Amino acid sequence: MLSFEEQRKYLASASDTLKDVASIMLETGMRPEEVYRIRKENVEVEQGYLFNPFGKTKAAKRKIPLTATALAVLKRRLKDAKGEYLFPHRRDRDKPMLKVNNAHTTALKNSKVKAFRLYDLRHTWATRAAEAGMDMPTLAALLGHSKLNMVMRYAHPQEQPQADAVKKLEVFNAAKEIAEVEREKSRQNAAVLETEGTISGTLVENPANFSGQEIEGKTHRIN
């Protein structure tokens, strides 16, 4: 996983195309080949997402929400695109580019950032998402995985986020317990009031609950 300082140095040393590819990966968690194959028709600027129609599984074919940074890159690419692909092959704009390996190697050398695979930017996005509190099913869906165990290869939250997550759970459980206690108290109070009302009504309506003197007095008052 890249630190933000390493990310800054790497992007500053990257070619324009590599910078755009890397930025989208860091903002969306997409695979490199998924970025290469983005077509104009895949991007929904107004709705703020792009659709990835590629992949062997149904999960891989997905809508991907766009951050402001990713959207800015794609809007610029849309404006400059000569063909259908936003990252076209340099010799044939009607085909997607194949790779940016040479540009990646040069950026690593110039930035002096510890060597990593371009694919590791996807890992970086996933780890940051997990540390930010994104739940595993959502993370799996955004990465295009159909199984949760696949996500664990990418998401490795550090100790502090784990401790914070447990603390958050503790607070949640305490609040839920208090709410349940309050609801039970309210239920019991309502039951008591209902019982008292029933008893009072019975005393008033049933003459057997009064003494003979009380009945005679009530009769006298009515007459």
C-alpha atoms as a PDB file:
ATOM      1  CA  MET A   1       0.000   0.000   0.000  1.00  0.00           C
ATOM      2  CA  LEU A   2       1.277   3.450  -0.920  1.00  0.00           C
ATOM      3  CA  SER A   3       1.421   6.268   1.581  1.00  0.00           C
ATOM      4  CA  PHE A   4      -0.048   9.571   0.417  1.00  0.00           C
ATOM      5  CA  GLU A   5       3.459  11.027   0.244  1.00  0.00           C
ATOM      6  CA  GLU A   6       4.596   8.168  -2.025  1.00  0.00           C
ATOM      7  CA  GLN A   7       1.474   8.646  -4.116  1.00  0.00           C
ATOM      8  CA  ARG A   8       2.217  12.357  -4.525  1.00  0.00           C
ATOM      9  CA  LYS A   9       5.811  11.707  -5.629  1.00  0.00           C
ATOM     10  CA  TYR A  10       4.805   8.921  -8.008  1.00  0.00           C
ATOM     11  CA  LEU A  11       2.066  10.919  -9.734  1.00  0.00           C
ATOM     12  CA  ALA A  12       4.347  13.952 -10.015  1.00  0.00           C
ATOM     13  CA  SER A  13       6.862  11.789 -11.908  1.00  0.00           C
ATOM     14  CA  ALA A  14       4.325  10.012 -14.118  1.00  0.00           C
ATOM     15  CA  SER A  15       3.584  10.722 -17.761  1.00  0.00           C
ATOM     16  CA  ASP A  16       0.203  12.286 -18.509  1.00  0.00           C
ATOM     17  CA  THR A  17      -1.379   8.984 -19.531  1.00  0.00           C
ATOM     18  CA  LEU A  18       0.056   7.043 -16.608  1.00  0.00           C
ATOM     19  CA  LYS A  19      -1.010   9.773 -14.204  1.00  0.00           C
ATOM     20  CA  ASP A  20      -4.595   9.539 -15.461  1.00  0.00           C
ATOM     21  CA  VAL A  21      -4.639   5.728 -15.297  1.00  0.00           C
ATOM     22  CA  ALA A  22      -3.121   5.696 -11.802  1.00  0.00           C
ATOM     23  CA  SER A  23      -5.432   8.448 -10.551  1.00  0.00           C
ATOM     24  CA  ILE A  24      -8.549   6.565 -11.658  1.00  0.00           C
ATOM     25  CA  MET A  25      -7.288   3.373 -10.032  1.00  0.00           C
ATOM     26  CA  LEU A  26      -6.554   5.178  -6.779  1.00  0.00           C
ATOM     27  CA  GLU A  27     -10.002   6.799  -6.823  1.00  0.00           C
ATOM     28  CA  THR A  28     -12.082   3.778  -7.875  1.00  0.00           C
ATOM     29  CA  GLY A  29     -10.138   0.574  -7.215  1.00  0.00           C
ATOM     30  CA  MET A  30     -10.473  -0.479 -10.860  1.00  0.00           C
ATOM     31  CA  ARG A  31      -8.127  -2.973 -12.493  1.00  0.00           C
ATOM     32  CA  PRO A  32      -5.602  -1.513 -15.001  1.00  0.00           C
ATOM     33  CA  GLU A  33      -7.216  -3.302 -17.959  1.00  0.00           C
ATOM     34  CA  GLU A  34     -10.648  -2.035 -16.905  1.00  0.00           C
ATOM     35  CA  VAL A  35      -9.329   1.526 -17.060  1.00  0.00           C
ATOM     36  CA  TYR A  36      -7.714   0.972 -20.455  1.00  0.00           C
ATOM     37  CA  ARG A  37     -11.030  -0.211 -21.911  1.00  0.00           C
ATOM     38  CA  ILE A  38     -13.220   2.674 -20.742  1.00  0.00           C
ATOM     39  CA  ARG A  39     -15.345   3.860 -23.656  1.00  0.00           C
ATOM     40  CA  LYS A  40     -17.249   7.109 -24.037  1.00  0.00           C
ATOM     41  CA  GLU A  41     -20.548   5.295 -23.686  1.00  0.00           C
ATOM     42  CA  ASN A  42     -19.454   3.842 -20.325  1.00  0.00           C
ATOM     43  CA  VAL A  43     -19.241   7.214 -18.574  1.00  0.00           C
ATOM     44  CA  GLU A  44     -22.348   8.827 -17.084  1.00  0.00           C
ATOM     45  CA  VAL A  45     -21.112  12.294 -16.183  1.00  0.00           C
ATOM     46  CA  GLU A  46     -24.395  13.662 -14.836  1.00  0.00           C
ATOM     47  CA  GLN A  47     -25.061  10.600 -12.678  1.00  0.00           C
ATOM     48  CA  GLY A  48     -21.445  10.491 -11.494  1.00  0.00           C
ATOM     49  CA  TYR A  49     -20.565   6.906 -12.335  1.00  0.00           C
ATOM     50  CA  LEU A  50     -19.108   4.721 -15.074  1.00  0.00           C
ATOM     51  CA  PHE A  51     -20.185   1.255 -16.098  1.00  0.00           C
ATOM     52  CA  ASN A  52     -17.663  -1.519 -16.527  1.00  0.00           C
ATOM     53  CA  PRO A  53     -19.151  -4.068 -18.981  1.00  0.00           C
ATOM     54  CA  PHE A  54     -16.145  -6.382 -18.910  1.00  0.00           C
ATOM     55  CA  GLY A  55     -15.325  -9.384 -16.757  1.00  0.00           C
ATOM     56  CA  LYS A  56     -15.833 -13.116 -16.460  1.00  0.00           C
ATOM     57  CA  THR A  57     -18.393 -12.813 -13.657  1.00  0.00           C
ATOM     58  CA  LYS A  58     -21.584 -10.843 -13.118  1.00  0.00           C
ATOM     59  CA  ALA A  59     -19.937  -9.045 -10.194  1.00  0.00           C
ATOM     60  CA  ALA A  60     -17.135  -7.737 -12.417  1.00  0.00           C
ATOM     61  CA  LYS A  61     -19.691  -6.040 -14.667  1.00  0.00           C
ATOM     62  CA  ARG A  62     -20.660  -3.165 -12.399  1.00  0.00           C
ATOM     63  CA  LYS A  63     -21.457   0.488 -11.900  1.00  0.00           C
ATOM     64  CA  ILE A  64     -18.568   2.365 -10.321  1.00  0.00           C
ATOM     65  CA  PRO A  65     -19.259   5.618  -8.426  1.00  0.00           C
ATOM     66  CA  LEU A  66     -16.839   8.407  -9.298  1.00  0.00           C
ATOM     67  CA  THR A  67     -15.087  10.799  -6.962  1.00  0.00           C
ATOM     68  CA  ALA A  68     -14.586  14.410  -8.022  1.00  0.00           C
ATOM     69  CA  THR A  69     -10.971  13.628  -8.963  1.00  0.00           C
ATOM     70  CA  ALA A  70     -11.881  10.613 -11.109  1.00  0.00           C
ATOM     71  CA  LEU A  71     -14.731  12.490 -12.759  1.00  0.00           C
ATOM     72  CA  ALA A  72     -12.450  15.407 -13.629  1.00  0.00           C
ATOM     73  CA  VAL A  73      -9.983  13.057 -15.340  1.00  0.00           C
ATOM     74  CA  LEU A  74     -12.714  11.329 -17.327  1.00  0.00           C
ATOM     75  CA  LYS A  75     -14.398  14.574 -18.376  1.00  0.00           C
ATOM     76  CA  ARG A  76     -11.095  15.843 -19.729  1.00  0.00           C
ATOM     77  CA  ARG A  77     -10.511  12.544 -21.518  1.00  0.00           C
ATOM     78  CA  LEU A  78     -14.021  12.634 -22.969  1.00  0.00           C
ATOM     79  CA  LYS A  79     -13.396  16.087 -24.349  1.00  0.00           C
ATOM     80  CA  ASP A  80     -10.089  15.099 -25.969  1.00  0.00           C
ATOM     81  CA  ALA A  81     -11.062  11.624 -27.205  1.00  0.00           C
ATOM     82  CA  LYS A  82     -10.822  11.126 -30.969  1.00  0.00           C
ATOM     83  CA  GLY A  83     -12.321   7.647 -30.953  1.00  0.00           C
ATOM     84  CA  GLU A  84     -14.541   5.607 -28.636  1.00  0.00           C
ATOM     85  CA  TYR A  85     -11.847   4.757 -26.106  1.00  0.00           C
ATOM     86  CA  LEU A  86     -10.667   7.256 -23.507  1.00  0.00           C
ATOM     87  CA  PHE A  87      -7.287   5.495 -23.362  1.00  0.00           C
ATOM     88  CA  PRO A  88      -6.731   4.525 -26.995  1.00  0.00           C
ATOM     89  CA  HIS A  89      -3.898   2.521 -28.481  1.00  0.00           C
ATOM     90  CA  ARG A  90      -1.293   4.952 -29.781  1.00  0.00           C
ATOM     91  CA  ARG A  91      -1.381   3.354 -33.251  1.00  0.00           C
ATOM     92  CA  ASP A  92      -5.111   2.712 -33.490  1.00  0.00           C
ATOM     93  CA  ARG A  93      -7.564   4.930 -31.656  1.00  0.00           C
ATOM     94  CA  ASP A  94     -10.338   2.405 -32.240  1.00  0.00           C
ATOM     95  CA  LYS A  95      -8.593  -0.042 -29.903  1.00  0.00           C
ATOM     96  CA  PRO A  96      -7.758   0.336 -26.199  1.00  0.00           C
ATOM     97  CA  MET A  97      -4.195   0.780 -25.018  1.00  0.00           C
ATOM     98  CA  LEU A  98      -2.509  -2.395 -23.782  1.00  0.00           C
ATOM     99  CA  LYS A  99      -0.247  -1.332 -20.927  1.00  0.00           C
ATOM    100  CA  VAL A 100       1.830   1.451 -19.396  1.00  0.00           C
ATOM    101  CA  ASN A 101       4.680  -0.674 -18.064  1.00  0.00           C
ATOM    102  CA  ASN A 102       7.512   1.463 -19.433  1.00  0.00           C
ATOM    103  CA  ALA A 103       5.961   4.677 -18.132  1.00  0.00           C
ATOM    104  CA  HIS A 104       5.415   3.011 -14.738  1.00  0.00           C
ATOM    105  CA  THR A 105       9.063   1.883 -14.510  1.00  0.00           C
ATOM    106  CA  THR A 106      10.256   5.387 -15.419  1.00  0.00           C
ATOM    107  CA  ALA A 107       7.982   7.005 -12.813  1.00  0.00           C
ATOM    108  CA  LEU A 108       9.283   4.687 -10.110  1.00  0.00           C
ATOM    109  CA  LYS A 109      12.871   5.509 -11.039  1.00  0.00           C
ATOM    110  CA  ASN A 110      12.326   9.261 -11.129  1.00  0.00           C
ATOM    111  CA  SER A 111      10.227   9.427  -7.989  1.00  0.00           C
ATOM    112  CA  LYS A 112      12.528   7.096  -6.018  1.00  0.00           C
ATOM    113  CA  VAL A 113       9.433   5.447  -4.582  1.00  0.00           C
ATOM    114  CA  LYS A 114       9.880   1.823  -3.508  1.00  0.00           C
ATOM    115  CA  ALA A 115       9.001  -0.478  -6.410  1.00  0.00           C
ATOM    116  CA  PHE A 116       5.416  -1.694  -6.677  1.00  0.00           C
ATOM    117  CA  ARG A 117       3.165  -3.141  -9.382  1.00  0.00           C
ATOM    118  CA  LEU A 118       0.650  -0.861 -11.059  1.00  0.00           C
ATOM    119  CA  TYR A 119      -1.999  -3.353  -9.918  1.00  0.00           C
ATOM    120  CA  ASP A 120      -1.034  -2.510  -6.310  1.00  0.00           C
ATOM    121  CA  LEU A 121      -2.842   0.831  -6.673  1.00  0.00           C
ATOM    122  CA  ARG A 122      -6.054  -1.215  -6.565  1.00  0.00           C
ATOM    123  CA  HIS A 123      -4.794  -2.784  -3.358  1.00  0.00           C
ATOM    124  CA  THR A 124      -4.106   0.707  -1.984  1.00  0.00           C
ATOM    125  CA  TRP A 125      -7.647   1.864  -2.749  1.00  0.00           C
ATOM    126  CA  ALA A 126      -9.172  -1.232  -1.118  1.00  0.00           C
ATOM    127  CA  THR A 127      -7.072  -0.913   2.031  1.00  0.00           C
ATOM    128  CA  ARG A 128      -7.952   2.754   2.429  1.00  0.00           C
ATOM    129  CA  ALA A 129     -11.626   1.977   1.894  1.00  0.00           C
ATOM    130  CA  ALA A 130     -11.548  -0.723   4.574  1.00  0.00           C
ATOM    131  CA  GLU A 131      -9.727   1.559   7.011  1.00  0.00           C
ATOM    132  CA  ALA A 132     -12.327   4.263   6.369  1.00  0.00           C
ATOM    133  CA  GLY A 133     -14.993   1.850   7.609  1.00  0.00           C
ATOM    134  CA  MET A 134     -16.444   0.536   4.334  1.00  0.00           C
ATOM    135  CA  ASP A 135     -18.226  -2.757   4.972  1.00  0.00           C
ATOM    136  CA  MET A 136     -16.899  -5.861   3.253  1.00  0.00           C
ATOM    137  CA  PRO A 137     -19.965  -6.579   1.033  1.00  0.00           C
ATOM    138  CA  THR A 138     -19.840  -3.029  -0.357  1.00  0.00           C
ATOM    139  CA  LEU A 139     -16.085  -3.248  -0.837  1.00  0.00           C
ATOM    140  CA  ALA A 140     -16.443  -6.563  -2.661  1.00  0.00           C
ATOM    141  CA  ALA A 141     -19.127  -5.123  -4.945  1.00  0.00           C
ATOM    142  CA  LEU A 142     -17.051  -2.064  -5.843  1.00  0.00           C
ATOM    143  CA  LEU A 143     -13.998  -4.210  -6.560  1.00  0.00           C
ATOM    144  CA  GLY A 144     -16.057  -6.528  -8.727  1.00  0.00           C
ATOM    145  CA  HIS A 145     -15.681  -9.633  -6.562  1.00  0.00           C
ATOM    146  CA  SER A 146     -18.478 -12.124  -6.014  1.00  0.00           C
ATOM    147  CA  LYS A 147     -16.943 -13.635  -2.872  1.00  0.00           C
ATOM    148  CA  LEU A 148     -15.977 -11.845   0.333  1.00  0.00           C
ATOM    149  CA  ASN A 149     -12.861 -13.957   0.856  1.00  0.00           C
ATOM    150  CA  MET A 150     -11.418 -12.431  -2.318  1.00  0.00           C
ATOM    151  CA  VAL A 151     -11.611  -8.983  -0.729  1.00  0.00           C
ATOM    152  CA  MET A 152      -9.343  -9.943   2.140  1.00  0.00           C
ATOM    153  CA  ARG A 153      -6.411 -10.134  -0.263  1.00  0.00           C
ATOM    154  CA  TYR A 154      -6.686  -6.402  -0.733  1.00  0.00           C
ATOM    155  CA  ALA A 155      -8.018  -5.073   2.565  1.00  0.00           C
ATOM    156  CA  HIS A 156      -5.695  -5.255   5.551  1.00  0.00           C
ATOM    157  CA  PRO A 157      -6.809  -2.670   8.115  1.00  0.00           C
ATOM    158  CA  GLN A 158      -4.108  -1.560  10.542  1.00  0.00           C
ATOM    159  CA  GLU A 159      -4.320  -2.016  14.326  1.00  0.00           C
ATOM    160  CA  GLN A 160      -5.652   1.457  15.138  1.00  0.00           C
ATOM    161  CA  PRO A 161      -8.573   1.297  12.686  1.00  0.00           C
ATOM    162  CA  GLN A 162      -9.381  -2.149  14.066  1.00  0.00           C
ATOM    163  CA  ALA A 163      -9.380  -0.781  17.626  1.00  0.00           C
ATOM    164  CA  ASP A 164     -11.528   2.151  16.515  1.00  0.00           C
ATOM    165  CA  ALA A 165     -13.974  -0.239  14.863  1.00  0.00           C
ATOM    166  CA  VAL A 166     -14.303  -2.285  18.063  1.00  0.00           C
ATOM    167  CA  LYS A 167     -14.804   0.909  20.072  1.00  0.00           C
ATOM    168  CA  LYS A 168     -17.477   2.027  17.634  1.00  0.00           C
ATOM    169  CA  LEU A 169     -19.204  -1.338  18.058  1.00  0.00           C
ATOM    170  CA  GLU A 170     -19.006  -1.010  21.837  1.00  0.00           C
ATOM    171  CA  VAL A 171     -20.661   2.419  21.747  1.00  0.00           C
ATOM    172  CA  PHE A 172     -23.318   1.139  19.349  1.00  0.00           C
ATOM    173  CA  ASN A 173     -24.120  -1.855  21.559  1.00  0.00           C
ATOM    174  CA  ALA A 174     -24.319   0.313  24.681  1.00  0.00           C
ATOM    175  CA  ALA A 175     -26.676   2.771  22.992  1.00  0.00           C
ATOM    176  CA  LYS A 176     -28.840  -0.068  21.673  1.00  0.00           C
ATOM    177  CA  GLU A 177     -29.002  -1.677  25.130  1.00  0.00           C
ATOM    178  CA  ILE A 178     -30.070   1.618  26.726  1.00  0.00           C
ATOM    179  CA  ALA A 179     -32.729   2.113  24.054  1.00  0.00           C
ATOM    180  CA  GLU A 180     -34.106  -1.368  24.683  1.00  0.00           C
ATOM    181  CA  VAL A 181     -34.209  -0.743  28.453  1.00  0.00           C
ATOM    182  CA  GLU A 182     -36.085   2.515  27.889  1.00  0.00           C
ATOM    183  CA  ARG A 183     -38.559   0.799  25.582  1.00  0.00           C
ATOM    184  CA  GLU A 184     -39.177  -1.901  28.183  1.00  0.00           C
ATOM    185  CA  LYS A 185     -39.729   0.733  30.889  1.00  0.00           C
ATOM    186  CA  SER A 186     -42.208   2.533  28.659  1.00  0.00           C
ATOM    187  CA  ARG A 187     -44.010  -0.728  27.954  1.00  0.00           C
ATOM    188  CA  GLN A 188     -44.225  -1.561  31.660  1.00  0.00           C
ATOM    189  CA  ASN A 189     -45.441   1.937  32.539  1.00  0.00           C
ATOM    190  CA  ALA A 190     -48.108   1.732  29.854  1.00  0.00           C
ATOM    191  CA  ALA A 191     -49.205  -1.653  31.212  1.00  0.00           C
ATOM    192  CA  VAL A 192     -49.437  -0.252  34.756  1.00  0.00           C
ATOM    193  CA  LEU A 193     -51.504   2.729  33.610  1.00  0.00           C
ATOM    194  CA  GLU A 194     -53.803   0.457  31.646  1.00  0.00           C
ATOM    195  CA  THR A 195     -54.247  -1.811  34.687  1.00  0.00           C
ATOM    196  CA  GLU A 196     -54.953   1.123  37.003  1.00  0.00           C
ATOM    197  CA  GLY A 197     -57.515   2.480  34.550  1.00  0.00           C
ATOM    198  CA  THR A 198     -59.258  -0.896  34.386  1.00  0.00           C
ATOM    199  CA  ILE A 199     -59.379  -1.172  38.177  1.00  0.00           C
ATOM    200  CA  SER A 200     -60.741   2.365  38.569  1.00  0.00           C
ATOM    201  CA  GLY A 201     -63.423   1.727  35.982  1.00  0.00           C
ATOM    202  CA  THR A 202     -64.454  -1.493  37.709  1.00  0.00           C
ATOM    203  CA  LEU A 203     -64.776   0.225  41.112  1.00  0.00           C
ATOM    204  CA  VAL A 204     -67.041   2.911  39.701  1.00  0.00           C
ATOM    205  CA  GLU A 205     -69.226   0.702  37.538  1.00  0.00           C
ATOM    206  CA  ASN A 206     -69.726  -2.311  39.862  1.00  0.00           C
ATOM    207  CA  PRO A 207     -72.078  -1.550  42.845  1.00  0.00           C
ATOM    208  CA  ALA A 208     -70.643  -4.555  44.668  1.00  0.00           C
ATOM    209  CA  ASN A 209     -67.507  -2.522  45.229  1.00  0.00           C
ATOM    210  CA  PHE A 210     -69.356  -0.019  47.455  1.00  0.00           C
ATOM    211  CA  SER A 211     -70.819  -0.349  50.957  1.00  0.00           C
ATOM    212  CA  GLY A 212     -74.602  -0.153  51.523  1.00  0.00           C
ATOM    213  CA  GLN A 213     -74.243   3.380  52.948  1.00  0.00           C
ATOM    214  CA  GLU A 214     -72.320   4.541  49.862  1.00  0.00           C
ATOM    215  CA  ILE A 215     -75.009   3.090  47.584  1.00  0.00           C
ATOM    216  CA  GLU A 216     -77.827   4.757  49.597  1.00  0.00           C
ATOM    217  CA  GLY A 217     -75.985   8.054  49.444  1.00  0.00           C
ATOM    218  CA  LYS A 218     -75.514   7.811  45.709  1.00  0.00           C
ATOM    219  CA  THR A 219     -79.219   6.933  45.298  1.00  0.00           C
ATOM    220  CA  HIS A 220     -80.283   9.863  47.457  1.00  0.00           C
ATOM    221  CA  ARG A 221     -78.166  12.261  45.394  1.00  0.00           C
ATOM    222  CA  ILE A 222     -79.656  10.969  42.171  1.00  0.00           C
ATOM    223  CA  ASN A 223     -83.231  11.395  43.505  1.00  0.00           C
END
